[in-house]
C-alpha atoms as a PDB file:
ATOM      1  CA  UNK A   1       0.000   0.000   0.000  1.00  0.00           C
ATOM      2  CA  UNK A   2       2.855   2.347   0.851  1.00  0.00           C
ATOM      3  CA  UNK A   3       4.616   1.691  -2.470  1.00  0.00           C
ATOM      4  CA  UNK A   4       1.360   2.256  -4.358  1.00  0.00           C
ATOM      5  CA  UNK A   5       0.901   5.636  -2.723  1.00  0.00           C
ATOM      6  CA  UNK A   6       4.470   6.605  -3.597  1.00  0.00           C
ATOM      7  CA  UNK A   7       3.902   5.310  -7.139  1.00  0.00           C
ATOM      8  CA  UNK A   8       0.838   7.518  -7.629  1.00  0.00           C
ATOM      9  CA  UNK A   9       2.630  10.492  -6.108  1.00  0.00           C
ATOM     10  CA  UNK A  10       5.461  10.143  -8.618  1.00  0.00           C
ATOM     11  CA  UNK A  11       2.900   9.980 -11.445  1.00  0.00           C
ATOM     12  CA  UNK A  12       1.331  13.281 -10.428  1.00  0.00           C
ATOM     13  CA  UNK A  13       4.743  14.957 -10.094  1.00  0.00           C
ATOM     14  CA  UNK A  14       5.673  13.785 -13.584  1.00  0.00           C
ATOM     15  CA  UNK A  15       2.341  15.033 -14.895  1.00  0.00           C
ATOM     16  CA  UNK A  16       3.282  18.553 -13.799  1.00  0.00           C
ATOM     17  CA  UNK A  17       6.767  18.097 -15.279  1.00  0.00           C
ATOM     18  CA  UNK A  18       5.675  16.996 -18.762  1.00  0.00           C
ATOM     19  CA  UNK A  19       2.716  19.356 -18.864  1.00  0.00           C
ATOM     20  CA  UNK A  20       5.061  22.144 -19.995  1.00  0.00           C
ATOM     21  CA  UNK A  21       5.476  20.557 -23.437  1.00  0.00           C
ATOM     22  CA  UNK A  22       2.622  18.064 -23.860  1.00  0.00           C
ATOM     23  CA  UNK A  23      -0.951  17.349 -22.977  1.00  0.00           C
ATOM     24  CA  UNK A  24      -0.654  14.672 -20.299  1.00  0.00           C
ATOM     25  CA  UNK A  25      -3.191  11.987 -19.420  1.00  0.00           C
ATOM     26  CA  UNK A  26      -2.547   9.692 -16.454  1.00  0.00           C
ATOM     27  CA  UNK A  27      -3.684   6.251 -15.312  1.00  0.00           C
ATOM     28  CA  UNK A  28      -2.930   6.177 -11.553  1.00  0.00           C
ATOM     29  CA  UNK A  29      -3.819   3.175  -9.437  1.00  0.00           C
ATOM     30  CA  UNK A  30      -6.436   1.019 -11.155  1.00  0.00           C
ATOM     31  CA  UNK A  31      -7.764   3.782 -13.421  1.00  0.00           C
ATOM     32  CA  UNK A  32      -7.908   3.118 -17.168  1.00  0.00           C
ATOM     33  CA  UNK A  33      -8.776   6.418 -18.783  1.00  0.00           C
ATOM     34  CA  UNK A  34      -6.003   6.928 -21.369  1.00  0.00           C
ATOM     35  CA  UNK A  35      -5.350   3.868 -23.549  1.00  0.00           C
ATOM     36  CA  UNK A  36      -2.630   3.386 -26.178  1.00  0.00           C
ATOM     37  CA  UNK A  37      -2.101   0.780 -28.850  1.00  0.00           C
ATOM     38  CA  UNK A  38      -4.703  -1.174 -30.777  1.00  0.00           C
ATOM     39  CA  UNK A  39      -8.335  -0.555 -29.911  1.00  0.00           C
ATOM     40  CA  UNK A  40      -9.087  -4.272 -29.524  1.00  0.00           C
ATOM     41  CA  UNK A  41      -6.245  -4.805 -27.015  1.00  0.00           C
ATOM     42  CA  UNK A  42      -5.345  -1.453 -25.427  1.00  0.00           C
ATOM     43  CA  UNK A  43      -2.611  -0.789 -22.880  1.00  0.00           C
ATOM     44  CA  UNK A  44      -2.710   1.748 -20.067  1.00  0.00           C
ATOM     45  CA  UNK A  45       0.695   3.257 -19.201  1.00  0.00           C
ATOM     46  CA  UNK A  46       1.040   5.489 -16.178  1.00  0.00           C
ATOM     47  CA  UNK A  47       1.390   8.651 -18.289  1.00  0.00           C
ATOM     48  CA  UNK A  48       0.344   9.259 -21.901  1.00  0.00           C
ATOM     49  CA  UNK A  49       1.979  12.214 -23.648  1.00  0.00           C
ATOM     50  CA  UNK A  50      -0.073  13.818 -26.429  1.00  0.00           C
ATOM     51  CA  UNK A  51       0.968  16.510 -28.897  1.00  0.00           C
ATOM     52  CA  UNK A  52      -0.486  19.901 -28.029  1.00  0.00           C
ATOM     53  CA  UNK A  53      -2.327  20.099 -31.339  1.00  0.00           C
ATOM     54  CA  UNK A  54      -5.842  19.449 -32.522  1.00  0.00           C
ATOM     55  CA  UNK A  55      -4.853  15.990 -33.725  1.00  0.00           C
ATOM     56  CA  UNK A  56      -3.731  14.961 -30.203  1.00  0.00           C
ATOM     57  CA  UNK A  57      -1.175  12.617 -31.719  1.00  0.00           C
ATOM     58  CA  UNK A  58       0.615  10.217 -29.360  1.00  0.00           C
ATOM     59  CA  UNK A  59       4.018  11.760 -28.499  1.00  0.00           C
ATOM     60  CA  UNK A  60       5.325   9.367 -25.835  1.00  0.00           C
ATOM     61  CA  UNK A  61       4.565   7.063 -22.917  1.00  0.00           C
ATOM     62  CA  UNK A  62       5.920   7.050 -19.373  1.00  0.00           C
ATOM     63  CA  UNK A  63       5.919   4.074 -17.009  1.00  0.00           C
ATOM     64  CA  UNK A  64       6.629   4.283 -13.285  1.00  0.00           C
ATOM     65  CA  UNK A  65       7.728   1.168 -11.439  1.00  0.00           C
ATOM     66  CA  UNK A  66       8.205   0.248  -7.800  1.00  0.00           C
ATOM     67  CA  UNK A  67      10.646  -2.171  -6.223  1.00  0.00           C
ATOM     68  CA  UNK A  68       8.100  -5.002  -6.498  1.00  0.00           C
ATOM     69  CA  UNK A  69       7.104  -4.350 -10.141  1.00  0.00           C
ATOM     70  CA  UNK A  70      10.625  -4.655 -11.573  1.00  0.00           C
ATOM     71  CA  UNK A  71      10.536  -8.263 -12.774  1.00  0.00           C
ATOM     72  CA  UNK A  72      10.629 -10.401 -15.935  1.00  0.00           C
ATOM     73  CA  UNK A  73       6.832 -10.496 -16.330  1.00  0.00           C
ATOM     74  CA  UNK A  74       6.533  -6.708 -16.270  1.00  0.00           C
ATOM     75  CA  UNK A  75       9.445  -6.342 -18.691  1.00  0.00           C
ATOM     76  CA  UNK A  76       8.163  -8.886 -21.235  1.00  0.00           C
ATOM     77  CA  UNK A  77       4.579  -7.632 -21.192  1.00  0.00           C
ATOM     78  CA  UNK A  78       4.470  -3.878 -20.643  1.00  0.00           C
ATOM     79  CA  UNK A  79       8.024  -2.594 -21.315  1.00  0.00           C
ATOM     80  CA  UNK A  80       8.324  -4.586 -24.516  1.00  0.00           C
ATOM     81  CA  UNK A  81       4.963  -3.300 -25.755  1.00  0.00           C
ATOM     82  CA  UNK A  82       5.626   0.340 -24.898  1.00  0.00           C
ATOM     83  CA  UNK A  83       9.036   0.269 -26.603  1.00  0.00           C
ATOM     84  CA  UNK A  84       7.430  -0.999 -29.840  1.00  0.00           C
ATOM     85  CA  UNK A  85       4.993   1.942 -30.211  1.00  0.00           C
ATOM     86  CA  UNK A  86       7.513   4.014 -32.227  1.00  0.00           C
ATOM     87  CA  UNK A  87       7.272   6.883 -29.725  1.00  0.00           C
ATOM     88  CA  UNK A  88       9.639   7.899 -26.913  1.00  0.00           C
ATOM     89  CA  UNK A  89       9.425   5.517 -23.962  1.00  0.00           C
ATOM     90  CA  UNK A  90      10.498   6.897 -20.546  1.00  0.00           C
ATOM     91  CA  UNK A  91      10.962   4.505 -17.649  1.00  0.00           C
ATOM     92  CA  UNK A  92      11.126   5.650 -14.004  1.00  0.00           C
ATOM     93  CA  UNK A  93      12.362   3.202 -11.373  1.00  0.00           C
ATOM     94  CA  UNK A  94      13.523   3.444  -7.744  1.00  0.00           C
ATOM     95  CA  UNK A  95      17.222   4.116  -7.253  1.00  0.00           C
ATOM     96  CA  UNK A  96      17.649   0.655  -5.744  1.00  0.00           C
ATOM     97  CA  UNK A  97      16.295  -1.020  -8.917  1.00  0.00           C
ATOM     98  CA  UNK A  98      18.476   0.658 -11.574  1.00  0.00           C
ATOM     99  CA  UNK A  99      20.816  -2.322 -12.050  1.00  0.00           C
ATOM    100  CA  UNK A 100      17.914  -4.788 -12.297  1.00  0.00           C
ATOM    101  CA  UNK A 101      16.157  -2.548 -14.833  1.00  0.00           C
ATOM    102  CA  UNK A 102      19.238  -2.344 -17.038  1.00  0.00           C
ATOM    103  CA  UNK A 103      19.726  -6.079 -16.912  1.00  0.00           C
ATOM    104  CA  UNK A 104      16.085  -6.791 -17.831  1.00  0.00           C
ATOM    105  CA  UNK A 105      16.218  -4.340 -20.759  1.00  0.00           C
ATOM    106  CA  UNK A 106      19.401  -5.990 -22.040  1.00  0.00           C
ATOM    107  CA  UNK A 107      18.053  -9.530 -21.659  1.00  0.00           C
ATOM    108  CA  UNK A 108      14.778  -8.792 -23.473  1.00  0.00           C
ATOM    109  CA  UNK A 109      16.223  -6.270 -25.952  1.00  0.00           C
ATOM    110  CA  UNK A 110      13.953  -3.456 -24.769  1.00  0.00           C
ATOM    111  CA  UNK A 111      14.833  -0.055 -26.202  1.00  0.00           C
ATOM    112  CA  UNK A 112      14.105   2.823 -23.846  1.00  0.00           C
ATOM    113  CA  UNK A 113      14.490   6.500 -24.680  1.00  0.00           C
ATOM    114  CA  UNK A 114      15.324   7.454 -21.105  1.00  0.00           C
ATOM    115  CA  UNK A 115      15.694   5.685 -17.780  1.00  0.00           C
ATOM    116  CA  UNK A 116      15.316   7.783 -14.643  1.00  0.00           C
ATOM    117  CA  UNK A 117      15.874   6.941 -10.983  1.00  0.00           C
ATOM    118  CA  UNK A 118      13.777   8.487  -8.236  1.00  0.00           C
ATOM    119  CA  UNK A 119      14.300   8.552  -4.496  1.00  0.00           C
ATOM    120  CA  UNK A 120      12.624  10.287  -1.585  1.00  0.00           C
ATOM    121  CA  UNK A 121      14.427  12.852   0.563  1.00  0.00           C
ATOM    122  CA  UNK A 122      12.085  13.692   3.410  1.00  0.00           C
ATOM    123  CA  UNK A 123       8.872  14.908   1.829  1.00  0.00           C
ATOM    124  CA  UNK A 124      10.475  15.552  -1.565  1.00  0.00           C
ATOM    125  CA  UNK A 125      11.136  13.182  -4.430  1.00  0.00           C
ATOM    126  CA  UNK A 126      14.248  13.712  -6.563  1.00  0.00           C
ATOM    127  CA  UNK A 127      14.715  12.475 -10.120  1.00  0.00           C
ATOM    128  CA  UNK A 128      18.117  11.544 -11.582  1.00  0.00           C
ATOM    129  CA  UNK A 129      18.769  10.636 -15.254  1.00  0.00           C
ATOM    130  CA  UNK A 130      20.428   7.251 -15.552  1.00  0.00           C
ATOM    131  CA  UNK A 131      20.457   6.333 -19.230  1.00  0.00           C
ATOM    132  CA  UNK A 132      19.549   8.033 -22.509  1.00  0.00           C
ATOM    133  CA  UNK A 133      19.340   6.595 -25.998  1.00  0.00           C
ATOM    134  CA  UNK A 134      22.108   7.722 -28.418  1.00  0.00           C
ATOM    135  CA  UNK A 135      21.346  10.346 -31.026  1.00  0.00           C
ATOM    136  CA  UNK A 136      20.119   9.090 -34.421  1.00  0.00           C
ATOM    137  CA  UNK A 137      22.826   8.462 -37.028  1.00  0.00           C
ATOM    138  CA  UNK A 138      23.068  10.338 -40.311  1.00  0.00           C
ATOM    139  CA  UNK A 139      23.025   8.807 -43.781  1.00  0.00           C
ATOM    140  CA  UNK A 140      26.640   7.652 -43.496  1.00  0.00           C
ATOM    141  CA  UNK A 141      25.990   5.657 -40.341  1.00  0.00           C
ATOM    142  CA  UNK A 142      27.803   8.032 -38.006  1.00  0.00           C
ATOM    143  CA  UNK A 143      26.281   9.889 -35.065  1.00  0.00           C
ATOM    144  CA  UNK A 144      25.013  13.320 -35.951  1.00  0.00           C
ATOM    145  CA  UNK A 145      27.464  14.952 -33.551  1.00  0.00           C
ATOM    146  CA  UNK A 146      30.397  13.566 -35.527  1.00  0.00           C
ATOM    147  CA  UNK A 147      29.350  14.964 -38.882  1.00  0.00           C
ATOM    148  CA  UNK A 148      30.824  18.348 -38.173  1.00  0.00           C
ATOM    149  CA  UNK A 149      34.272  18.738 -39.619  1.00  0.00           C
ATOM    150  CA  UNK A 150      36.848  19.823 -37.072  1.00  0.00           C
ATOM    151  CA  UNK A 151      38.244  23.311 -37.504  1.00  0.00           C
ATOM    152  CA  UNK A 152      41.668  23.446 -39.128  1.00  0.00           C
ATOM    153  CA  UNK A 153      44.454  24.143 -36.669  1.00  0.00           C
ATOM    154  CA  UNK A 154      46.174  27.495 -37.253  1.00  0.00           C
ATOM    155  CA  UNK A 155      49.624  27.249 -38.781  1.00  0.00           C
ATOM    156  CA  UNK A 156      52.512  28.474 -36.632  1.00  0.00           C
ATOM    157  CA  UNK A 157      54.032  31.803 -37.578  1.00  0.00           C
ATOM    158  CA  UNK A 158      57.457  30.214 -38.138  1.00  0.00           C
ATOM    159  CA  UNK A 159      56.072  28.003 -40.895  1.00  0.00           C
ATOM    160  CA  UNK A 160      54.830  30.949 -43.006  1.00  0.00           C
ATOM    161  CA  UNK A 161      57.169  31.934 -45.879  1.00  0.00           C
ATOM    162  CA  UNK A 162      57.050  35.188 -47.837  1.00  0.00           C
ATOM    163  CA  UNK A 163      56.205  34.790 -51.519  1.00  0.00           C
ATOM    164  CA  UNK A 164      57.656  36.851 -54.341  1.00  0.00           C
ATOM    165  CA  UNK A 165      55.366  38.714 -56.796  1.00  0.00           C
ATOM    166  CA  UNK A 166      55.664  35.847 -59.269  1.00  0.00           C
ATOM    167  CA  UNK A 167      54.553  33.300 -56.744  1.00  0.00           C
ATOM    168  CA  UNK A 168      57.974  31.818 -56.037  1.00  0.00           C
ATOM    169  CA  UNK A 169      58.779  31.124 -52.416  1.00  0.00           C
ATOM    170  CA  UNK A 170      61.851  32.978 -51.266  1.00  0.00           C
ATOM    171  CA  UNK A 171      64.451  30.878 -49.485  1.00  0.00           C
ATOM    172  CA  UNK A 172      66.266  32.147 -46.431  1.00  0.00           C
ATOM    173  CA  UNK A 173      69.825  33.320 -47.104  1.00  0.00           C
ATOM    174  CA  UNK A 174      72.590  31.318 -45.470  1.00  0.00           C
ATOM    175  CA  UNK A 175      75.757  32.953 -44.194  1.00  0.00           C
ATOM    176  CA  UNK A 176      78.835  32.263 -46.347  1.00  0.00           C
ATOM    177  CA  UNK A 177      81.956  30.954 -44.626  1.00  0.00           C
ATOM    178  CA  UNK A 178      84.837  33.400 -44.227  1.00  0.00           C
ATOM    179  CA  UNK A 179      87.864  32.417 -46.431  1.00  0.00           C
ATOM    180  CA  UNK A 180      91.549  33.144 -45.829  1.00  0.00           C
ATOM    181  CA  UNK A 181      91.702  35.708 -48.635  1.00  0.00           C
ATOM    182  CA  UNK A 182      88.769  37.582 -47.164  1.00  0.00           C
ATOM    183  CA  UNK A 183      90.480  37.573 -43.782  1.00  0.00           C
ATOM    184  CA  UNK A 184      93.668  38.941 -45.315  1.00  0.00           C
ATOM    185  CA  UNK A 185      91.785  41.665 -47.172  1.00  0.00           C
ATOM    186  CA  UNK A 186      90.091  42.597 -43.901  1.00  0.00           C
ATOM    187  CA  UNK A 187      93.479  42.774 -42.120  1.00  0.00           C
ATOM    188  CA  UNK A 188      94.914  45.060 -44.833  1.00  0.00           C
ATOM    189  CA  UNK A 189      92.475  47.883 -45.443  1.00  0.00           C
ATOM    190  CA  UNK A 190      94.801  49.877 -47.784  1.00  0.00           C
ATOM    191  CA  UNK A 191      94.534  48.947 -51.491  1.00  0.00           C
ATOM    192  CA  UNK A 192      97.484  48.620 -53.902  1.00  0.00           C
ATOM    193  CA  UNK A 193      96.819  52.023 -55.525  1.00  0.00           C
ATOM    194  CA  UNK A 194      97.206  53.722 -52.149  1.00  0.00           C
ATOM    195  CA  UNK A 195     100.504  51.894 -51.605  1.00  0.00           C
ATOM    196  CA  UNK A 196     101.755  52.998 -55.055  1.00  0.00           C
ATOM    197  CA  UNK A 197     100.853  56.621 -54.272  1.00  0.00           C
ATOM    198  CA  UNK A 198     102.765  56.381 -51.030  1.00  0.00           C
ATOM    199  CA  UNK A 199     105.892  55.109 -52.873  1.00  0.00           C
ATOM    200  CA  UNK A 200     105.696  57.874 -55.536  1.00  0.00           C
ATOM    201  CA  UNK A 201     105.359  60.578 -52.903  1.00  0.00           C
ATOM    202  CA  UNK A 202     108.389  59.187 -51.056  1.00  0.00           C
ATOM    203  CA  UNK A 203     110.414  59.150 -54.290  1.00  0.00           C
ATOM    204  CA  UNK A 204     109.471  62.766 -55.052  1.00  0.00           C
ATOM    205  CA  UNK A 205     110.585  63.781 -51.599  1.00  0.00           C
ATOM    206  CA  UNK A 206     113.958  62.088 -52.158  1.00  0.00           C
ATOM    207  CA  UNK A 207     114.367  63.905 -55.555  1.00  0.00           C
ATOM    208  CA  UNK A 208     113.612  67.260 -53.937  1.00  0.00           C
ATOM    209  CA  UNK A 209     116.251  66.624 -51.280  1.00  0.00           C
ATOM    210  CA  UNK A 210     118.948  65.701 -53.888  1.00  0.00           C
ATOM    211  CA  UNK A 211     118.101  68.763 -56.018  1.00  0.00           C
ATOM    212  CA  UNK A 212     118.368  70.986 -52.963  1.00  0.00           C
ATOM    213  CA  UNK A 213     121.747  69.522 -52.159  1.00  0.00           C
ATOM    214  CA  UNK A 214     122.986  70.186 -55.691  1.00  0.00           C
ATOM    215  CA  UNK A 215     121.707  73.812 -55.573  1.00  0.00           C
ATOM    216  CA  UNK A 216     123.479  74.383 -52.265  1.00  0.00           C
ATOM    217  CA  UNK A 217     126.761  73.016 -53.589  1.00  0.00           C
ATOM    218  CA  UNK A 218     126.654  75.291 -56.682  1.00  0.00           C
ATOM    219  CA  UNK A 219     125.994  78.358 -54.503  1.00  0.00           C
ATOM    220  CA  UNK A 220     129.018  77.597 -52.355  1.00  0.00           C
ATOM    221  CA  UNK A 221     131.245  77.285 -55.478  1.00  0.00           C
ATOM    222  CA  UNK A 222     130.121  80.733 -56.714  1.00  0.00           C
ATOM    223  CA  UNK A 223     130.948  82.306 -53.374  1.00  0.00           C
ATOM    224  CA  UNK A 224     134.443  80.890 -53.466  1.00  0.00           C
ATOM    225  CA  UNK A 225     135.110  82.324 -56.883  1.00  0.00           C
END
């Protein structure tokens, strides 16, 4: 009796939760007011989600379980049927029954859109997402999230080379090795022409001195006469 009261309380909390997006019909306790499936053999899930349109098309079903209702019979009859309606199927179970629910879904190949765990904290009931179905794949068989091409990584600044106007890539200039002749030319800054000028100036100075000597000798001879 206690679990049934908690079960119906969870149903009404979920009704307020899903009412933001859908029109919600509930089947708490033994009520059978919102059927799904074939008219000759209807099923009555805990919550029936309807599109908020005039057509009132079925948009999903929600089933709430207790610790006692998580078993093979419930999985083979109700869970299997709700998962085959081609609409989202949300399953809410107590936190203590998450492992059993996963095992039953794997054993009977039951596809659920979402599995939630609920637990009571004082007077409040908290809901925790446990499992969600993967996103639908695209035409190439890959998840839709992987279809986006990754952005190209920026090239480092050192790898960029300057191009000439004709499109040719300029190569960096390498330093030439210093040869012996270059070292000698650096050690001797004066060219050969400068050396030749120096020699000619020295020779002219010597000629001037010899001419002066001769002039002085002639002057002395005139004085003696």
